[in-house]
C-alpha cells in the first residue's frame, strides 16, 4: 500500500532524482515553462511553488536558502527575486499551471507542460 508517500521515485536513485528535479526547477524559472512527462512535472510543481512562496519573504535568509537549493544558480535566483516575486506578490498560491499535452512518441508516456502563471487578475 502507498500510504503517506511523499514523493514519486520516478525510476531513479535519490541523488539522480534530486539533481533532475533541481535542473527542471531551474528551467522553469529561467524559461517560465518546461515540457516533460506528467509525473515529473507534478513533482517539480511542488518545488517551484515552495521556492516562490519562500522568496516572497525577501530576506537574506530566504535568498540564501533558494540559492543553496538551486545549486548557486545566480541567474535563476536573480530572476525569482526581481521578476517573479513582484508578479506574484498579491497571489496567495497557485503560481504554476499544468497542461496535459498528450503522449510522447516512442514510449507513449503522458506528457505535460508546466508553466508559470502570467496573467494577474
PDB file of N, CA and C in Angstrom:
ATOM      1  N   UNK A   1       0.829  -1.187   0.000  1.00  0.00           N
ATOM      2  CA  UNK A   1       0.000   0.000   0.000  1.00  0.00           C
ATOM      3  C   UNK A   1       0.870   1.246   0.000  1.00  0.00           C
ATOM      4  N   UNK A   2       0.351   2.289  -0.569  1.00  0.00           N
ATOM      5  CA  UNK A   2       1.121   3.523  -0.702  1.00  0.00           C
ATOM      6  C   UNK A   2       0.629   4.591   0.265  1.00  0.00           C
ATOM      7  N   UNK A   3       0.514   4.258   1.516  1.00  0.00           N
ATOM      8  CA  UNK A   3       0.074   5.243   2.491  1.00  0.00           C
ATOM      9  C   UNK A   3       1.198   6.209   2.808  1.00  0.00           C
ATOM     10  N   UNK A   4       0.874   7.473   2.887  1.00  0.00           N
ATOM     11  CA  UNK A   4       1.780   8.543   3.276  1.00  0.00           C
ATOM     12  C   UNK A   4       3.057   8.592   2.430  1.00  0.00           C
ATOM     13  N   UNK A   5       2.900   8.381   1.145  1.00  0.00           N
ATOM     14  CA  UNK A   5       4.041   8.506   0.227  1.00  0.00           C
ATOM     15  C   UNK A   5       4.179   9.983  -0.114  1.00  0.00           C
ATOM     16  N   UNK A   6       5.352  10.547   0.132  1.00  0.00           N
ATOM     17  CA  UNK A   6       5.509  11.982  -0.045  1.00  0.00           C
ATOM     18  C   UNK A   6       5.959  12.369  -1.447  1.00  0.00           C
ATOM     19  N   UNK A   7       6.612  11.463  -2.157  1.00  0.00           N
ATOM     20  CA  UNK A   7       7.081  11.807  -3.494  1.00  0.00           C
ATOM     21  C   UNK A   7       7.167  10.572  -4.368  1.00  0.00           C
ATOM     22  N   UNK A   8       7.210  10.808  -5.668  1.00  0.00           N
ATOM     23  CA  UNK A   8       7.370   9.720  -6.623  1.00  0.00           C
ATOM     24  C   UNK A   8       8.846   9.407  -6.786  1.00  0.00           C
ATOM     25  N   UNK A   9       9.167   8.151  -7.029  1.00  0.00           N
ATOM     26  CA  UNK A   9      10.571   7.767  -7.183  1.00  0.00           C
ATOM     27  C   UNK A   9      11.066   7.986  -8.606  1.00  0.00           C
ATOM     28  N   UNK A  10      10.162   7.976  -9.582  1.00  0.00           N
ATOM     29  CA  UNK A  10      10.478   8.267 -10.979  1.00  0.00           C
ATOM     30  C   UNK A  10      11.544   7.338 -11.552  1.00  0.00           C
ATOM     31  N   UNK A  11      11.725   6.168 -10.987  1.00  0.00           N
ATOM     32  CA  UNK A  11      12.650   5.177 -11.523  1.00  0.00           C
ATOM     33  C   UNK A  11      14.109   5.584 -11.445  1.00  0.00           C
ATOM     34  N   UNK A  12      14.469   6.373 -10.454  1.00  0.00           N
ATOM     35  CA  UNK A  12      15.842   6.862 -10.330  1.00  0.00           C
ATOM     36  C   UNK A  12      16.311   6.724  -8.892  1.00  0.00           C
ATOM     37  N   UNK A  13      17.624   6.795  -8.719  1.00  0.00           N
ATOM     38  CA  UNK A  13      18.157   6.831  -7.367  1.00  0.00           C
ATOM     39  C   UNK A  13      17.875   8.207  -6.767  1.00  0.00           C
ATOM     40  N   UNK A  14      18.053   8.332  -5.472  1.00  0.00           N
ATOM     41  CA  UNK A  14      17.715   9.585  -4.800  1.00  0.00           C
ATOM     42  C   UNK A  14      18.552  10.752  -5.320  1.00  0.00           C
ATOM     43  N   UNK A  15      19.846  10.548  -5.498  1.00  0.00           N
ATOM     44  CA  UNK A  15      20.713  11.632  -5.979  1.00  0.00           C
ATOM     45  C   UNK A  15      20.348  12.047  -7.400  1.00  0.00           C
ATOM     46  N   UNK A  16      20.093  11.054  -8.247  1.00  0.00           N
ATOM     47  CA  UNK A  16      19.730  11.355  -9.631  1.00  0.00           C
ATOM     48  C   UNK A  16      18.396  12.090  -9.686  1.00  0.00           C
ATOM     49  N   UNK A  17      17.443  11.645  -8.874  1.00  0.00           N
ATOM     50  CA  UNK A  17      16.126  12.275  -8.847  1.00  0.00           C
ATOM     51  C   UNK A  17      16.206  13.724  -8.376  1.00  0.00           C
ATOM     52  N   UNK A  18      16.959  13.981  -7.312  1.00  0.00           N
ATOM     53  CA  UNK A  18      17.069  15.346  -6.805  1.00  0.00           C
ATOM     54  C   UNK A  18      17.784  16.264  -7.795  1.00  0.00           C
ATOM     55  N   UNK A  19      18.821  15.752  -8.447  1.00  0.00           N
ATOM     56  CA  UNK A  19      19.529  16.557  -9.443  1.00  0.00           C
ATOM     57  C   UNK A  19      18.610  16.886 -10.620  1.00  0.00           C
ATOM     58  N   UNK A  20      17.826  15.899 -11.060  1.00  0.00           N
ATOM     59  CA  UNK A  20      16.917  16.119 -12.180  1.00  0.00           C
ATOM     60  C   UNK A  20      15.840  17.140 -11.817  1.00  0.00           C
ATOM     61  N   UNK A  21      15.284  17.039 -10.610  1.00  0.00           N
ATOM     62  CA  UNK A  21      14.239  17.966 -10.200  1.00  0.00           C
ATOM     63  C   UNK A  21      14.781  19.384 -10.029  1.00  0.00           C
ATOM     64  N   UNK A  22      16.008  19.510  -9.525  1.00  0.00           N
ATOM     65  CA  UNK A  22      16.627  20.835  -9.415  1.00  0.00           C
ATOM     66  C   UNK A  22      16.816  21.450 -10.794  1.00  0.00           C
ATOM     67  N   UNK A  23      17.306  20.646 -11.743  1.00  0.00           N
ATOM     68  CA  UNK A  23      17.520  21.157 -13.096  1.00  0.00           C
ATOM     69  C   UNK A  23      16.204  21.562 -13.755  1.00  0.00           C
ATOM     70  N   UNK A  24      15.153  20.773 -13.544  1.00  0.00           N
ATOM     71  CA  UNK A  24      13.848  21.137 -14.100  1.00  0.00           C
ATOM     72  C   UNK A  24      13.309  22.412 -13.450  1.00  0.00           C
ATOM     73  N   UNK A  25      13.512  22.560 -12.138  1.00  0.00           N
ATOM     74  CA  UNK A  25      13.051  23.771 -11.456  1.00  0.00           C
ATOM     75  C   UNK A  25      13.792  25.001 -11.980  1.00  0.00           C
ATOM     76  N   UNK A  26      15.093  24.874 -12.194  1.00  0.00           N
ATOM     77  CA  UNK A  26      15.871  25.985 -12.752  1.00  0.00           C
ATOM     78  C   UNK A  26      15.347  26.337 -14.141  1.00  0.00           C
ATOM     79  N   UNK A  27      15.029  25.329 -14.950  1.00  0.00           N
ATOM     80  CA  UNK A  27      14.492  25.578 -16.285  1.00  0.00           C
ATOM     81  C   UNK A  27      13.146  26.286 -16.225  1.00  0.00           C
ATOM     82  N   UNK A  28      12.315  25.907 -15.264  1.00  0.00           N
ATOM     83  CA  UNK A  28      11.016  26.582 -15.121  1.00  0.00           C
ATOM     84  C   UNK A  28      11.223  28.050 -14.780  1.00  0.00           C
ATOM     85  N   UNK A  29      12.165  28.338 -13.899  1.00  0.00           N
ATOM     86  CA  UNK A  29      12.400  29.730 -13.516  1.00  0.00           C
ATOM     87  C   UNK A  29      13.018  30.531 -14.657  1.00  0.00           C
ATOM     88  N   UNK A  30      13.921  29.942 -15.414  1.00  0.00           N
ATOM     89  CA  UNK A  30      14.581  30.681 -16.490  1.00  0.00           C
ATOM     90  C   UNK A  30      13.681  30.886 -17.696  1.00  0.00           C
ATOM     91  N   UNK A  31      12.972  29.831 -18.126  1.00  0.00           N
ATOM     92  CA  UNK A  31      12.200  29.890 -19.365  1.00  0.00           C
ATOM     93  C   UNK A  31      10.702  30.038 -19.120  1.00  0.00           C
ATOM     94  N   UNK A  32      10.267  29.950 -17.870  1.00  0.00           N
ATOM     95  CA  UNK A  32       8.888  30.094 -17.439  1.00  0.00           C
ATOM     96  C   UNK A  32       7.973  29.001 -17.959  1.00  0.00           C
ATOM     97  N   UNK A  33       8.506  27.977 -18.605  1.00  0.00           N
ATOM     98  CA  UNK A  33       7.732  26.789 -18.956  1.00  0.00           C
ATOM     99  C   UNK A  33       8.689  25.666 -19.303  1.00  0.00           C
ATOM    100  N   UNK A  34       8.206  24.441 -19.136  1.00  0.00           N
ATOM    101  CA  UNK A  34       9.009  23.272 -19.453  1.00  0.00           C
ATOM    102  C   UNK A  34       8.061  22.151 -19.881  1.00  0.00           C
ATOM    103  N   UNK A  35       8.465  21.414 -20.912  1.00  0.00           N
ATOM    104  CA  UNK A  35       7.704  20.264 -21.379  1.00  0.00           C
ATOM    105  C   UNK A  35       8.403  19.001 -20.903  1.00  0.00           C
ATOM    106  N   UNK A  36       7.682  18.167 -20.163  1.00  0.00           N
ATOM    107  CA  UNK A  36       8.261  16.936 -19.641  1.00  0.00           C
ATOM    108  C   UNK A  36       7.132  15.947 -19.390  1.00  0.00           C
ATOM    109  N   UNK A  37       7.450  14.818 -18.789  1.00  0.00           N
ATOM    110  CA  UNK A  37       6.404  13.846 -18.504  1.00  0.00           C
ATOM    111  C   UNK A  37       5.536  14.340 -17.358  1.00  0.00           C
ATOM    112  N   UNK A  38       4.353  13.817 -17.297  1.00  0.00           N
ATOM    113  CA  UNK A  38       3.388  14.290 -16.307  1.00  0.00           C
ATOM    114  C   UNK A  38       3.825  14.039 -14.857  1.00  0.00           C
ATOM    115  N   UNK A  39       4.337  12.864 -14.509  1.00  0.00           N
ATOM    116  CA  UNK A  39       4.786  12.676 -13.119  1.00  0.00           C
ATOM    117  C   UNK A  39       5.940  13.596 -12.727  1.00  0.00           C
ATOM    118  N   UNK A  40       6.881  13.835 -13.634  1.00  0.00           N
ATOM    119  CA  UNK A  40       7.985  14.750 -13.338  1.00  0.00           C
ATOM    120  C   UNK A  40       7.465  16.164 -13.125  1.00  0.00           C
ATOM    121  N   UNK A  41       6.536  16.597 -13.967  1.00  0.00           N
ATOM    122  CA  UNK A  41       6.024  17.956 -13.841  1.00  0.00           C
ATOM    123  C   UNK A  41       5.239  18.142 -12.544  1.00  0.00           C
ATOM    124  N   UNK A  42       4.563  17.105 -12.085  1.00  0.00           N
ATOM    125  CA  UNK A  42       3.834  17.212 -10.820  1.00  0.00           C
ATOM    126  C   UNK A  42       4.798  17.325  -9.641  1.00  0.00           C
ATOM    127  N   UNK A  43       5.929  16.653  -9.712  1.00  0.00           N
ATOM    128  CA  UNK A  43       6.922  16.751  -8.646  1.00  0.00           C
ATOM    129  C   UNK A  43       7.629  18.108  -8.668  1.00  0.00           C
ATOM    130  N   UNK A  44       7.945  18.603  -9.858  1.00  0.00           N
ATOM    131  CA  UNK A  44       8.624  19.897  -9.979  1.00  0.00           C
ATOM    132  C   UNK A  44       7.709  21.021  -9.537  1.00  0.00           C
ATOM    133  N   UNK A  45       6.415  20.865  -9.772  1.00  0.00           N
ATOM    134  CA  UNK A  45       5.454  21.899  -9.371  1.00  0.00           C
ATOM    135  C   UNK A  45       5.512  22.148  -7.869  1.00  0.00           C
ATOM    136  N   UNK A  46       5.649  21.075  -7.069  1.00  0.00           N
ATOM    137  CA  UNK A  46       5.745  21.231  -5.613  1.00  0.00           C
ATOM    138  C   UNK A  46       6.965  22.069  -5.235  1.00  0.00           C
ATOM    139  N   UNK A  47       8.084  21.810  -5.893  1.00  0.00           N
ATOM    140  CA  UNK A  47       9.325  22.522  -5.591  1.00  0.00           C
ATOM    141  C   UNK A  47       9.210  23.988  -5.981  1.00  0.00           C
ATOM    142  N   UNK A  48       8.692  24.250  -7.182  1.00  0.00           N
ATOM    143  CA  UNK A  48       8.588  25.621  -7.691  1.00  0.00           C
ATOM    144  C   UNK A  48       7.661  26.454  -6.808  1.00  0.00           C
ATOM    145  N   UNK A  49       6.515  25.882  -6.440  1.00  0.00           N
ATOM    146  CA  UNK A  49       5.571  26.609  -5.586  1.00  0.00           C
ATOM    147  C   UNK A  49       6.206  26.939  -4.236  1.00  0.00           C
ATOM    148  N   UNK A  50       6.929  25.991  -3.656  1.00  0.00           N
ATOM    149  CA  UNK A  50       7.571  26.213  -2.356  1.00  0.00           C
ATOM    150  C   UNK A  50       8.631  27.294  -2.434  1.00  0.00           C
ATOM    151  N   UNK A  51       9.452  27.266  -3.484  1.00  0.00           N
ATOM    152  CA  UNK A  51      10.521  28.249  -3.607  1.00  0.00           C
ATOM    153  C   UNK A  51       9.981  29.663  -3.832  1.00  0.00           C
ATOM    154  N   UNK A  52       8.924  29.797  -4.618  1.00  0.00           N
ATOM    155  CA  UNK A  52       8.353  31.128  -4.845  1.00  0.00           C
ATOM    156  C   UNK A  52       7.737  31.663  -3.556  1.00  0.00           C
ATOM    157  N   UNK A  53       7.050  30.806  -2.809  1.00  0.00           N
ATOM    158  CA  UNK A  53       6.471  31.238  -1.543  1.00  0.00           C
ATOM    159  C   UNK A  53       7.558  31.661  -0.569  1.00  0.00           C
ATOM    160  N   UNK A  54       8.656  30.920  -0.552  1.00  0.00           N
ATOM    161  CA  UNK A  54       9.766  31.264   0.333  1.00  0.00           C
ATOM    162  C   UNK A  54      10.404  32.577  -0.099  1.00  0.00           C
ATOM    163  N   UNK A  55      10.461  32.828  -1.399  1.00  0.00           N
ATOM    164  CA  UNK A  55      11.094  34.049  -1.908  1.00  0.00           C
ATOM    165  C   UNK A  55      10.262  35.292  -1.609  1.00  0.00           C
ATOM    166  N   UNK A  56       8.974  35.136  -1.396  1.00  0.00           N
ATOM    167  CA  UNK A  56       8.124  36.296  -1.116  1.00  0.00           C
ATOM    168  C   UNK A  56       8.485  36.964   0.201  1.00  0.00           C
ATOM    169  N   UNK A  57       9.197  36.264   1.077  1.00  0.00           N
ATOM    170  CA  UNK A  57       9.677  36.842   2.332  1.00  0.00           C
ATOM    171  C   UNK A  57      10.726  37.919   2.043  1.00  0.00           C
ATOM    172  N   UNK A  58      11.523  37.720   0.997  1.00  0.00           N
ATOM    173  CA  UNK A  58      12.526  38.673   0.509  1.00  0.00           C
ATOM    174  C   UNK A  58      13.536  39.072   1.589  1.00  0.00           C
ATOM    175  N   UNK A  59      14.014  38.093   2.314  1.00  0.00           N
ATOM    176  CA  UNK A  59      15.050  38.337   3.311  1.00  0.00           C
ATOM    177  C   UNK A  59      16.354  37.698   2.833  1.00  0.00           C
ATOM    178  N   UNK A  60      17.421  38.050   3.480  1.00  0.00           N
ATOM    179  CA  UNK A  60      18.714  37.477   3.139  1.00  0.00           C
ATOM    180  C   UNK A  60      18.714  35.969   3.374  1.00  0.00           C
ATOM    181  N   UNK A  61      18.041  35.544   4.441  1.00  0.00           N
ATOM    182  CA  UNK A  61      17.975  34.120   4.753  1.00  0.00           C
ATOM    183  C   UNK A  61      17.248  33.347   3.650  1.00  0.00           C
ATOM    184  N   UNK A  62      16.107  33.869   3.179  1.00  0.00           N
ATOM    185  CA  UNK A  62      15.369  33.174   2.120  1.00  0.00           C
ATOM    186  C   UNK A  62      16.160  33.187   0.814  1.00  0.00           C
ATOM    187  N   UNK A  63      16.868  34.282   0.547  1.00  0.00           N
ATOM    188  CA  UNK A  63      17.692  34.340  -0.664  1.00  0.00           C
ATOM    189  C   UNK A  63      18.794  33.272  -0.630  1.00  0.00           C
ATOM    190  N   UNK A  64      19.412  33.097   0.529  1.00  0.00           N
ATOM    191  CA  UNK A  64      20.471  32.091   0.654  1.00  0.00           C
ATOM    192  C   UNK A  64      19.906  30.680   0.597  1.00  0.00           C
ATOM    193  N   UNK A  65      18.734  30.464   1.145  1.00  0.00           N
ATOM    194  CA  UNK A  65      18.118  29.142   1.067  1.00  0.00           C
ATOM    195  C   UNK A  65      17.797  28.773  -0.377  1.00  0.00           C
ATOM    196  N   UNK A  66      17.238  29.714  -1.122  1.00  0.00           N
ATOM    197  CA  UNK A  66      16.893  29.453  -2.518  1.00  0.00           C
ATOM    198  C   UNK A  66      18.152  29.272  -3.357  1.00  0.00           C
ATOM    199  N   UNK A  67      19.159  30.104  -3.099  1.00  0.00           N
ATOM    200  CA  UNK A  67      20.429  29.977  -3.811  1.00  0.00           C
ATOM    201  C   UNK A  67      21.060  28.612  -3.539  1.00  0.00           C
ATOM    202  N   UNK A  68      20.961  28.139  -2.307  1.00  0.00           N
ATOM    203  CA  UNK A  68      21.513  26.843  -1.942  1.00  0.00           C
ATOM    204  C   UNK A  68      20.765  25.719  -2.650  1.00  0.00           C
ATOM    205  N   UNK A  69      19.432  25.813  -2.697  1.00  0.00           N
ATOM    206  CA  UNK A  69      18.661  24.758  -3.341  1.00  0.00           C
ATOM    207  C   UNK A  69      18.913  24.709  -4.837  1.00  0.00           C
ATOM    208  N   UNK A  70      19.065  25.863  -5.463  1.00  0.00           N
ATOM    209  CA  UNK A  70      19.259  25.909  -6.916  1.00  0.00           C
ATOM    210  C   UNK A  70      20.722  25.778  -7.320  1.00  0.00           C
ATOM    211  N   UNK A  71      21.547  25.230  -6.436  1.00  0.00           N
ATOM    212  CA  UNK A  71      22.957  24.949  -6.731  1.00  0.00           C
ATOM    213  C   UNK A  71      23.708  26.204  -7.151  1.00  0.00           C
ATOM    214  N   UNK A  72      23.500  27.296  -6.434  1.00  0.00           N
ATOM    215  CA  UNK A  72      24.177  28.568  -6.674  1.00  0.00           C
ATOM    216  C   UNK A  72      23.979  29.108  -8.085  1.00  0.00           C
ATOM    217  N   UNK A  73      22.813  28.881  -8.658  1.00  0.00           N
ATOM    218  CA  UNK A  73      22.488  29.433  -9.969  1.00  0.00           C
ATOM    219  C   UNK A  73      22.024  30.872  -9.767  1.00  0.00           C
ATOM    220  N   UNK A  74      22.935  31.810  -9.982  1.00  0.00           N
ATOM    221  CA  UNK A  74      22.652  33.220  -9.701  1.00  0.00           C
ATOM    222  C   UNK A  74      21.618  33.811 -10.649  1.00  0.00           C
ATOM    223  N   UNK A  75      21.598  33.349 -11.883  1.00  0.00           N
ATOM    224  CA  UNK A  75      20.652  33.899 -12.865  1.00  0.00           C
ATOM    225  C   UNK A  75      19.221  33.551 -12.467  1.00  0.00           C
ATOM    226  N   UNK A  76      18.988  32.296 -12.098  1.00  0.00           N
ATOM    227  CA  UNK A  76      17.644  31.879 -11.697  1.00  0.00           C
ATOM    228  C   UNK A  76      17.223  32.556 -10.407  1.00  0.00           C
ATOM    229  N   UNK A  77      18.143  32.657  -9.453  1.00  0.00           N
ATOM    230  CA  UNK A  77      17.822  33.301  -8.177  1.00  0.00           C
ATOM    231  C   UNK A  77      17.483  34.775  -8.386  1.00  0.00           C
ATOM    232  N   UNK A  78      18.248  35.434  -9.221  1.00  0.00           N
ATOM    233  CA  UNK A  78      18.001  36.854  -9.502  1.00  0.00           C
ATOM    234  C   UNK A  78      16.642  37.037 -10.173  1.00  0.00           C
ATOM    235  N   UNK A  79      16.299  36.144 -11.099  1.00  0.00           N
ATOM    236  CA  UNK A  79      15.015  36.254 -11.786  1.00  0.00           C
ATOM    237  C   UNK A  79      13.860  36.021 -10.819  1.00  0.00           C
ATOM    238  N   UNK A  80      14.035  35.090  -9.883  1.00  0.00           N
ATOM    239  CA  UNK A  80      12.977  34.834  -8.905  1.00  0.00           C
ATOM    240  C   UNK A  80      12.685  36.102  -8.101  1.00  0.00           C
ATOM    241  N   UNK A  81      13.736  36.729  -7.588  1.00  0.00           N
ATOM    242  CA  UNK A  81      13.537  37.866  -6.700  1.00  0.00           C
ATOM    243  C   UNK A  81      13.194  39.157  -7.434  1.00  0.00           C
ATOM    244  N   UNK A  82      13.664  39.343  -8.659  1.00  0.00           N
ATOM    245  CA  UNK A  82      13.425  40.603  -9.360  1.00  0.00           C
ATOM    246  C   UNK A  82      12.221  40.573 -10.293  1.00  0.00           C
ATOM    247  N   UNK A  83      11.880  39.403 -10.825  1.00  0.00           N
ATOM    248  CA  UNK A  83      10.790  39.338 -11.796  1.00  0.00           C
ATOM    249  C   UNK A  83       9.567  38.611 -11.237  1.00  0.00           C
ATOM    250  N   UNK A  84       9.780  37.429 -10.661  1.00  0.00           N
ATOM    251  CA  UNK A  84       8.647  36.591 -10.277  1.00  0.00           C
ATOM    252  C   UNK A  84       7.984  37.024  -8.970  1.00  0.00           C
ATOM    253  N   UNK A  85       8.777  37.406  -7.975  1.00  0.00           N
ATOM    254  CA  UNK A  85       8.182  37.804  -6.695  1.00  0.00           C
ATOM    255  C   UNK A  85       7.290  39.036  -6.847  1.00  0.00           C
ATOM    256  N   UNK A  86       7.696  40.085  -7.578  1.00  0.00           N
ATOM    257  CA  UNK A  86       6.755  41.205  -7.762  1.00  0.00           C
ATOM    258  C   UNK A  86       5.485  40.798  -8.518  1.00  0.00           C
ATOM    259  N   UNK A  87       5.615  39.841  -9.435  1.00  0.00           N
ATOM    260  CA  UNK A  87       4.452  39.392 -10.196  1.00  0.00           C
ATOM    261  C   UNK A  87       3.457  38.653  -9.301  1.00  0.00           C
ATOM    262  N   UNK A  88       3.965  37.859  -8.360  1.00  0.00           N
ATOM    263  CA  UNK A  88       3.104  37.030  -7.520  1.00  0.00           C
ATOM    264  C   UNK A  88       2.927  37.579  -6.111  1.00  0.00           C
ATOM    265  N   UNK A  89       3.243  38.835  -5.869  1.00  0.00           N
ATOM    266  CA  UNK A  89       3.222  39.391  -4.516  1.00  0.00           C
ATOM    267  C   UNK A  89       1.837  39.306  -3.876  1.00  0.00           C
ATOM    268  N   UNK A  90       0.794  39.572  -4.639  1.00  0.00           N
ATOM    269  CA  UNK A  90      -0.559  39.579  -4.080  1.00  0.00           C
ATOM    270  C   UNK A  90      -1.286  38.260  -4.261  1.00  0.00           C
ATOM    271  N   UNK A  91      -0.616  37.272  -4.807  1.00  0.00           N
ATOM    272  CA  UNK A  91      -1.238  35.980  -5.062  1.00  0.00           C
ATOM    273  C   UNK A  91      -0.901  35.030  -3.910  1.00  0.00           C
ATOM    274  N   UNK A  92      -1.906  34.404  -3.280  1.00  0.00           N
ATOM    275  CA  UNK A  92      -1.633  33.558  -2.111  1.00  0.00           C
ATOM    276  C   UNK A  92      -1.055  32.182  -2.447  1.00  0.00           C
ATOM    277  N   UNK A  93      -1.075  31.794  -3.679  1.00  0.00           N
ATOM    278  CA  UNK A  93      -0.544  30.486  -4.073  1.00  0.00           C
ATOM    279  C   UNK A  93      -0.983  30.180  -5.490  1.00  0.00           C
ATOM    280  N   UNK A  94      -0.650  29.003  -5.994  1.00  0.00           N
ATOM    281  CA  UNK A  94      -1.051  28.621  -7.337  1.00  0.00           C
ATOM    282  C   UNK A  94      -0.306  29.396  -8.401  1.00  0.00           C
ATOM    283  N   UNK A  95       1.009  29.331  -8.349  1.00  0.00           N
ATOM    284  CA  UNK A  95       1.841  30.105  -9.273  1.00  0.00           C
ATOM    285  C   UNK A  95       2.095  29.375 -10.591  1.00  0.00           C
ATOM    286  N   UNK A  96       1.722  28.106 -10.669  1.00  0.00           N
ATOM    287  CA  UNK A  96       2.019  27.321 -11.863  1.00  0.00           C
ATOM    288  C   UNK A  96       0.740  26.780 -12.484  1.00  0.00           C
ATOM    289  N   UNK A  97       0.863  26.430 -13.750  1.00  0.00           N
ATOM    290  CA  UNK A  97      -0.236  25.829 -14.500  1.00  0.00           C
ATOM    291  C   UNK A  97       0.303  24.548 -15.138  1.00  0.00           C
ATOM    292  N   UNK A  98      -0.436  23.471 -15.007  1.00  0.00           N
ATOM    293  CA  UNK A  98      -0.043  22.193 -15.572  1.00  0.00           C
ATOM    294  C   UNK A  98      -1.048  21.815 -16.649  1.00  0.00           C
ATOM    295  N   UNK A  99      -0.573  21.718 -17.896  1.00  0.00           N
ATOM    296  CA  UNK A  99      -1.444  21.402 -19.022  1.00  0.00           C
ATOM    297  C   UNK A  99      -0.978  20.088 -19.629  1.00  0.00           C
ATOM    298  N   UNK A 100      -1.875  19.122 -19.678  1.00  0.00           N
ATOM    299  CA  UNK A 100      -1.533  17.837 -20.285  1.00  0.00           C
ATOM    300  C   UNK A 100      -1.470  18.010 -21.799  1.00  0.00           C
ATOM    301  N   UNK A 101      -0.386  17.505 -22.404  1.00  0.00           N
ATOM    302  CA  UNK A 101      -0.175  17.734 -23.837  1.00  0.00           C
ATOM    303  C   UNK A 101      -0.222  16.474 -24.671  1.00  0.00           C
ATOM    304  N   UNK A 102      -0.685  15.370 -24.127  1.00  0.00           N
ATOM    305  CA  UNK A 102      -0.801  14.155 -24.915  1.00  0.00           C
ATOM    306  C   UNK A 102       0.209  13.107 -24.499  1.00  0.00           C
ATOM    307  N   UNK A 103       0.685  12.354 -25.493  1.00  0.00           N
ATOM    308  CA  UNK A 103       1.590  11.247 -25.212  1.00  0.00           C
ATOM    309  C   UNK A 103       2.837  11.364 -26.080  1.00  0.00           C
ATOM    310  N   UNK A 104       3.958  10.961 -25.529  1.00  0.00           N
ATOM    311  CA  UNK A 104       5.240  11.067 -26.206  1.00  0.00           C
ATOM    312  C   UNK A 104       5.385   9.927 -27.205  1.00  0.00           C
ATOM    313  N   UNK A 105       5.960  10.248 -28.373  1.00  0.00           N
ATOM    314  CA  UNK A 105       6.247   9.226 -29.369  1.00  0.00           C
ATOM    315  C   UNK A 105       7.349   8.313 -28.842  1.00  0.00           C
ATOM    316  N   UNK A 106       7.253   7.055 -29.125  1.00  0.00           N
ATOM    317  CA  UNK A 106       8.293   6.117 -28.711  1.00  0.00           C
ATOM    318  C   UNK A 106       7.852   5.259 -27.556  1.00  0.00           C
ATOM    319  N   UNK A 107       7.627   5.858 -26.396  1.00  0.00           N
ATOM    320  CA  UNK A 107       7.243   5.055 -25.236  1.00  0.00           C
ATOM    321  C   UNK A 107       5.830   5.362 -24.743  1.00  0.00           C
ATOM    322  N   UNK A 108       5.136   6.261 -25.414  1.00  0.00           N
ATOM    323  CA  UNK A 108       3.744   6.587 -25.106  1.00  0.00           C
ATOM    324  C   UNK A 108       3.560   7.106 -23.679  1.00  0.00           C
ATOM    325  N   UNK A 109       4.579   7.794 -23.160  1.00  0.00           N
ATOM    326  CA  UNK A 109       4.489   8.362 -21.814  1.00  0.00           C
ATOM    327  C   UNK A 109       3.623   9.626 -21.854  1.00  0.00           C
ATOM    328  N   UNK A 110       2.762   9.821 -20.848  1.00  0.00           N
ATOM    329  CA  UNK A 110       1.948  11.043 -20.825  1.00  0.00           C
ATOM    330  C   UNK A 110       2.828  12.268 -20.580  1.00  0.00           C
ATOM    331  N   UNK A 111       2.647  13.291 -21.398  1.00  0.00           N
ATOM    332  CA  UNK A 111       3.460  14.496 -21.269  1.00  0.00           C
ATOM    333  C   UNK A 111       2.596  15.655 -20.804  1.00  0.00           C
ATOM    334  N   UNK A 112       3.266  16.655 -20.237  1.00  0.00           N
ATOM    335  CA  UNK A 112       2.564  17.839 -19.743  1.00  0.00           C
ATOM    336  C   UNK A 112       3.489  19.033 -19.839  1.00  0.00           C
ATOM    337  N   UNK A 113       2.894  20.204 -19.901  1.00  0.00           N
ATOM    338  CA  UNK A 113       3.666  21.443 -19.905  1.00  0.00           C
ATOM    339  C   UNK A 113       3.413  22.156 -18.583  1.00  0.00           C
ATOM    340  N   UNK A 114       4.495  22.417 -17.862  1.00  0.00           N
ATOM    341  CA  UNK A 114       4.423  23.160 -16.606  1.00  0.00           C
ATOM    342  C   UNK A 114       4.856  24.579 -16.900  1.00  0.00           C
ATOM    343  N   UNK A 115       3.998  25.546 -16.615  1.00  0.00           N
ATOM    344  CA  UNK A 115       4.342  26.935 -16.896  1.00  0.00           C
ATOM    345  C   UNK A 115       3.932  27.808 -15.715  1.00  0.00           C
ATOM    346  N   UNK A 116       4.593  28.937 -15.620  1.00  0.00           N
ATOM    347  CA  UNK A 116       4.252  29.909 -14.590  1.00  0.00           C
ATOM    348  C   UNK A 116       3.089  30.758 -15.066  1.00  0.00           C
ATOM    349  N   UNK A 117       2.222  31.124 -14.153  1.00  0.00           N
ATOM    350  CA  UNK A 117       1.066  31.951 -14.484  1.00  0.00           C
ATOM    351  C   UNK A 117       1.557  33.337 -14.904  1.00  0.00           C
ATOM    352  N   UNK A 118       1.048  33.855 -16.000  1.00  0.00           N
ATOM    353  CA  UNK A 118       1.485  35.167 -16.476  1.00  0.00           C
ATOM    354  C   UNK A 118       0.432  36.236 -16.257  1.00  0.00           C
ATOM    355  N   UNK A 119      -0.848  35.884 -16.359  1.00  0.00           N
ATOM    356  CA  UNK A 119      -1.884  36.903 -16.193  1.00  0.00           C
ATOM    357  C   UNK A 119      -2.159  37.134 -14.713  1.00  0.00           C
ATOM    358  N   UNK A 120      -2.328  38.381 -14.380  1.00  0.00           N
ATOM    359  CA  UNK A 120      -2.628  38.738 -12.997  1.00  0.00           C
ATOM    360  C   UNK A 120      -3.956  39.442 -12.951  1.00  0.00           C
ATOM    361  N   UNK A 121      -4.853  38.931 -12.110  1.00  0.00           N
ATOM    362  CA  UNK A 121      -6.201  39.499 -12.057  1.00  0.00           C
ATOM    363  C   UNK A 121      -6.445  40.158 -10.743  1.00  0.00           C
TER     364      UNK A 121
END
